[in-house]
């Protein structure tokens, strides 16, 4: 869970490569303890990071097992997020979006439970797909840059 949260912090800061590193560790950890909800979350987050870094081969390899476990998992919000990410991946591969798919994406957007996830879809995907979405007003993001946090990221718990 810590690695996934560290990945989210890096993702929020726009450090997608570092977010990918943490998401990979989170996925490995969740798989080792057979925590399906964690596998779903870390996998989808990793797919998002891959997509934003144009790592389409990595995305293609991870999508199928992620889709299998996500679609079997009873969480419409996770399924909606996966749908968005996959449709953007298909578009990057050259597929054209139909009006029907665009309507389904707008519907899926409304199923996203987390405001921050909706913001990420709005900011990183929707415009490139020519889909206009309404989103909450952005809060001014103040970066989290406490000096002690570097120690936390390195798991260095001894403070002088």
Protein backbone atom coordinates (compact mmCIF):
# COMPACT_ATOMS: atom_id res chain seq x y z
CA UNK A 1 0.00 0.00 0.00
CA UNK A 2 2.90 2.34 0.78
CA UNK A 3 4.39 1.85 -2.69
CA UNK A 4 1.04 2.53 -4.35
CA UNK A 5 0.63 5.71 -2.29
CA UNK A 6 4.17 6.84 -3.13
CA UNK A 7 3.33 6.20 -6.77
CA UNK A 8 0.24 8.37 -6.45
CA UNK A 9 2.30 11.19 -4.97
CA UNK A 10 4.79 10.98 -7.85
CA UNK A 11 1.94 10.75 -10.38
CA UNK A 12 0.33 13.87 -8.91
CA UNK A 13 3.67 15.65 -9.28
CA UNK A 14 3.91 14.59 -12.92
CA UNK A 15 6.83 12.23 -12.28
CA UNK A 16 5.38 9.33 -14.27
CA UNK A 17 8.63 7.37 -14.50
CA UNK A 18 9.04 7.40 -10.72
CA UNK A 19 5.33 6.64 -10.28
CA UNK A 20 5.81 3.63 -12.54
CA UNK A 21 8.64 2.40 -10.31
CA UNK A 22 6.43 2.52 -7.22
CA UNK A 23 3.42 1.02 -9.00
CA UNK A 24 5.55 -1.90 -10.17
CA UNK A 25 6.70 -2.53 -6.59
CA UNK A 26 3.13 -2.23 -5.34
CA UNK A 27 1.90 -4.72 -7.93
CA UNK A 28 4.63 -7.18 -7.01
CA UNK A 29 3.76 -6.83 -3.32
CA UNK A 30 0.03 -7.24 -3.85
CA UNK A 31 0.59 -10.31 -6.01
CA UNK A 32 2.84 -11.87 -3.36
CA UNK A 33 0.08 -11.64 -0.73
CA UNK A 34 -2.72 -12.44 -3.18
CA UNK A 35 -4.55 -9.15 -2.52
CA UNK A 36 -6.87 -8.88 -5.53
CA UNK A 37 -8.11 -5.35 -4.84
CA UNK A 38 -4.51 -4.16 -4.60
CA UNK A 39 -3.58 -5.96 -7.81
CA UNK A 40 -6.46 -4.22 -9.59
CA UNK A 41 -5.51 -0.79 -8.28
CA UNK A 42 -1.76 -1.08 -8.87
CA UNK A 43 -2.26 -2.60 -12.34
CA UNK A 44 -4.60 0.15 -13.48
CA UNK A 45 -2.31 2.82 -12.08
CA UNK A 46 0.62 1.20 -13.86
CA UNK A 47 -1.33 1.11 -17.14
CA UNK A 48 -2.05 4.82 -16.75
CA UNK A 49 1.63 5.58 -16.15
CA UNK A 50 2.64 3.45 -19.15
CA UNK A 51 0.17 5.24 -21.38
CA UNK A 52 1.35 8.70 -20.35
CA UNK A 53 4.94 7.68 -21.09
CA UNK A 54 4.00 6.15 -24.48
CA UNK A 55 5.09 2.70 -23.30
CA UNK A 56 2.53 1.04 -25.50
CA UNK A 57 4.18 -2.39 -25.56
CA UNK A 58 4.24 -2.52 -21.75
CA UNK A 59 0.63 -1.35 -21.74
CA UNK A 60 -0.38 -4.04 -24.22
CA UNK A 61 1.28 -6.80 -22.18
CA UNK A 62 -0.29 -5.74 -18.88
CA UNK A 63 -3.77 -4.96 -20.18
CA UNK A 64 -5.14 -8.48 -20.67
CA UNK A 65 -4.41 -9.83 -17.16
CA UNK A 66 -5.54 -6.51 -15.69
CA UNK A 67 -8.80 -6.57 -17.63
CA UNK A 68 -9.49 -10.15 -16.55
CA UNK A 69 -9.11 -9.42 -12.84
CA UNK A 70 -10.75 -5.96 -13.03
CA UNK A 71 -13.85 -7.11 -14.87
CA UNK A 72 -14.28 -9.92 -12.34
CA UNK A 73 -13.90 -7.42 -9.49
CA UNK A 74 -17.18 -5.76 -8.42
CA UNK A 75 -16.06 -2.14 -8.67
CA UNK A 76 -17.61 -0.03 -11.43
CA UNK A 77 -15.26 2.86 -10.77
CA UNK A 78 -12.18 0.70 -11.42
CA UNK A 79 -13.83 -0.76 -14.51
CA UNK A 80 -14.65 2.73 -15.77
CA UNK A 81 -11.06 3.90 -15.26
CA UNK A 82 -9.74 0.84 -17.10
CA UNK A 83 -12.17 1.55 -19.95
CA UNK A 84 -10.85 5.11 -20.29
CA UNK A 85 -7.22 4.02 -20.26
CA UNK A 86 -7.83 1.24 -22.75
CA UNK A 87 -9.77 3.44 -25.16
CA UNK A 88 -6.94 5.98 -25.11
CA UNK A 89 -4.45 3.16 -25.73
CA UNK A 90 -6.51 1.98 -28.71
CA UNK A 91 -6.63 5.53 -30.03
CA UNK A 92 -2.84 5.82 -29.71
CA UNK A 93 -2.65 2.59 -31.73
CA UNK A 94 -4.61 4.27 -34.54
CA UNK A 95 -8.23 3.33 -33.77
CA UNK A 96 -10.87 5.96 -34.35
CA UNK A 97 -13.39 6.69 -31.61
CA UNK A 98 -17.01 6.22 -32.58
CA UNK A 99 -19.75 8.47 -31.25
CA UNK A 100 -21.07 5.46 -29.32
CA UNK A 101 -17.69 4.90 -27.64
CA UNK A 102 -17.41 8.60 -26.82
CA UNK A 103 -20.83 8.48 -25.16
CA UNK A 104 -19.79 5.41 -23.19
CA UNK A 105 -16.65 7.25 -22.07
CA UNK A 106 -18.71 10.19 -20.79
CA UNK A 107 -20.94 7.74 -18.92
CA UNK A 108 -17.87 5.93 -17.52
CA UNK A 109 -16.46 9.28 -16.40
CA UNK A 110 -19.51 9.78 -14.20
CA UNK A 111 -18.87 6.36 -12.61
CA UNK A 112 -15.40 7.38 -11.41
CA UNK A 113 -15.69 7.75 -7.64
CA UNK A 114 -12.50 9.64 -6.87
CA UNK A 115 -12.32 13.35 -7.71
CA UNK A 116 -8.57 13.15 -8.26
CA UNK A 117 -9.00 10.30 -10.76
CA UNK A 118 -11.62 12.35 -12.62
CA UNK A 119 -9.16 15.25 -12.65
CA UNK A 120 -6.43 13.02 -14.10
CA UNK A 121 -8.77 11.73 -16.82
CA UNK A 122 -9.79 15.29 -17.59
CA UNK A 123 -6.22 16.62 -17.62
CA UNK A 124 -4.33 13.78 -19.29
CA UNK A 125 -6.73 11.91 -21.55
CA UNK A 126 -10.04 13.57 -22.43
CA UNK A 127 -8.72 16.53 -24.42
CA UNK A 128 -6.49 14.27 -26.54
CA UNK A 129 -9.56 12.18 -27.30
CA UNK A 130 -11.61 15.29 -28.19
CA UNK A 131 -14.05 14.59 -25.38
CA UNK A 132 -15.32 17.57 -23.44
CA UNK A 133 -15.89 16.86 -19.77
CA UNK A 134 -16.98 19.01 -16.91
CA UNK A 135 -14.87 18.73 -13.82
CA UNK A 136 -14.70 20.37 -10.46
CA UNK A 137 -12.66 23.52 -10.22
CA UNK A 138 -9.05 22.67 -9.72
CA UNK A 139 -7.61 23.34 -6.35
CA UNK A 140 -4.27 25.06 -6.33
CA UNK A 141 -1.79 22.26 -5.85
CA UNK A 142 0.91 22.98 -3.36
CA UNK A 143 3.73 20.51 -3.78
CA UNK A 144 4.59 18.33 -0.84
CA UNK A 145 8.26 19.01 -0.32
CA UNK A 146 9.01 18.61 3.35
CA UNK A 147 12.71 17.74 3.83
CA UNK A 148 11.90 14.72 5.99
CA UNK A 149 9.80 13.18 3.22
CA UNK A 150 12.91 12.28 1.23
CA UNK A 151 13.88 10.08 4.19
CA UNK A 152 10.43 8.47 4.16
CA UNK A 153 10.72 7.69 0.44
CA UNK A 154 14.02 5.95 1.15
CA UNK A 155 12.51 4.21 4.23
CA UNK A 156 15.15 5.87 6.38
CA UNK A 157 13.31 6.15 9.68
CA UNK A 158 16.20 7.43 11.80
CA UNK A 159 16.07 11.19 12.11
CA UNK A 160 19.07 13.07 13.48
